[in-house]
Amino acid sequence: MDSPIPVDPHSEIVQSTPTWTCIDSNHARDAYGHRCNGGDYQRWRVTAVGTGELGFTVYEIRNKATGLCLDGNRNDEVYTHPCNRGAYQQWAYQPR
């Protein structure tokens, strides 16, 4: 059994329930799934920044280790980039 991941009250771990992997990052601006280890590259500050077009609250997701934000593009690529509050840095949580 894995030991519990320490809790940081100012950041969250974003984890996939089917795979139990966490969103990880690095200084090369990559974002990828990796086995959860509780490190700062897997810790994200999730901040509400407004409401999206479909009425969902949208969030900025900033990496604790790099200070970069989770970003994406029209090619379905996800990576980190300096935070700019642009449309591709706005993320929504939709409960099932």
Protein backbone atom coordinates (compact mmCIF):
# COMPACT_ATOMS: atom_id res chain seq x y z
CA MET A 1 0.00 0.00 0.00
CA ASP A 2 1.28 3.44 -0.91
CA SER A 3 1.86 5.93 1.87
CA PRO A 4 -0.53 8.90 1.95
CA ILE A 5 0.48 11.99 0.01
CA PRO A 6 1.12 14.97 2.32
CA VAL A 7 -1.52 17.68 2.17
CA ASP A 8 -0.62 21.23 1.14
CA PRO A 9 -3.51 23.59 1.94
CA HIS A 10 -2.57 25.95 -0.92
CA SER A 11 -2.35 23.46 -3.75
CA GLU A 12 -4.16 20.38 -4.99
CA ILE A 13 -3.27 17.18 -6.75
CA VAL A 14 -5.26 16.58 -9.95
CA GLN A 15 -5.69 12.83 -10.26
CA SER A 16 -7.34 10.53 -12.78
CA THR A 17 -9.59 8.03 -11.05
CA PRO A 18 -9.45 5.30 -13.73
CA THR A 19 -5.63 5.26 -13.86
CA TRP A 20 -4.74 6.78 -10.44
CA THR A 21 -2.13 8.91 -12.16
CA CYS A 22 -1.59 12.59 -11.39
CA ILE A 23 -1.03 15.53 -13.70
CA ASP A 24 2.72 16.14 -13.51
CA SER A 25 4.89 18.84 -15.07
CA ASN A 26 8.50 19.99 -15.45
CA HIS A 27 10.53 23.07 -16.37
CA ALA A 28 10.40 22.04 -20.05
CA ARG A 29 6.69 23.07 -19.90
CA ASP A 30 5.43 19.52 -20.36
CA ALA A 31 2.24 18.27 -18.71
CA TYR A 32 1.62 14.54 -18.52
CA GLY A 33 0.17 11.76 -16.40
CA HIS A 34 2.58 10.17 -13.92
CA ARG A 35 2.33 7.94 -10.87
CA CYS A 36 1.35 10.15 -7.95
CA ASN A 37 4.28 11.05 -5.69
CA GLY A 38 3.15 14.23 -3.91
CA GLY A 39 5.96 16.35 -5.34
CA ASP A 40 5.58 20.04 -6.15
CA TYR A 41 5.49 19.30 -9.90
CA GLN A 42 2.22 17.45 -9.20
CA ARG A 43 0.74 20.20 -7.06
CA TRP A 44 -1.52 22.76 -8.67
CA ARG A 45 -3.19 25.90 -7.36
CA VAL A 46 -6.74 25.90 -8.70
CA THR A 47 -8.30 29.37 -8.72
CA ALA A 48 -11.78 30.32 -9.95
CA VAL A 49 -11.45 33.10 -12.54
CA GLY A 50 -14.98 33.47 -13.91
CA THR A 51 -17.83 31.75 -15.69
CA GLY A 52 -17.48 30.10 -19.10
CA GLU A 53 -19.90 30.21 -22.02
CA LEU A 54 -21.82 27.14 -20.82
CA GLY A 55 -22.30 28.56 -17.33
CA PHE A 56 -19.60 26.49 -15.61
CA THR A 57 -17.13 28.11 -13.27
CA VAL A 58 -13.75 28.30 -15.03
CA TYR A 59 -10.45 27.86 -13.24
CA GLU A 60 -6.82 28.75 -13.72
CA ILE A 61 -4.60 25.77 -12.82
CA ARG A 62 -1.09 26.93 -11.83
CA ASN A 63 1.79 24.54 -11.11
CA LYS A 64 3.37 24.98 -7.68
CA ALA A 65 6.94 24.13 -8.78
CA THR A 66 7.10 26.18 -11.98
CA GLY A 67 4.46 28.88 -11.52
CA LEU A 68 3.25 28.09 -15.06
CA CYS A 69 -0.40 27.49 -15.95
CA LEU A 70 -1.99 24.46 -17.53
CA ASP A 71 -2.62 25.42 -21.15
CA GLY A 72 -3.77 23.76 -24.36
CA ASN A 73 -4.42 24.35 -28.02
CA ARG A 74 -6.68 23.34 -30.92
CA ASN A 75 -4.52 20.25 -31.56
CA ASP A 76 -5.66 18.72 -28.24
CA GLU A 77 -2.19 19.20 -26.76
CA VAL A 78 -1.85 20.06 -23.07
CA TYR A 79 1.26 21.72 -21.64
CA THR A 80 2.17 24.57 -19.29
CA HIS A 81 2.79 28.17 -20.29
CA PRO A 82 3.20 31.52 -18.53
CA CYS A 83 -0.19 32.45 -17.08
CA ASN A 84 -2.17 34.87 -19.25
CA ARG A 85 -5.84 34.13 -18.43
CA GLY A 86 -6.37 33.25 -22.11
CA ALA A 87 -9.19 30.99 -23.25
CA TYR A 88 -6.93 27.92 -23.46
CA GLN A 89 -5.94 28.38 -19.81
CA GLN A 90 -9.53 28.29 -18.59
CA TRP A 91 -10.55 24.88 -17.25
CA ALA A 92 -13.96 23.74 -16.03
CA TYR A 93 -14.97 20.98 -13.68
CA GLN A 94 -18.13 19.19 -14.73
CA PRO A 95 -19.52 16.72 -12.19
CA ARG A 96 -20.98 13.55 -13.63
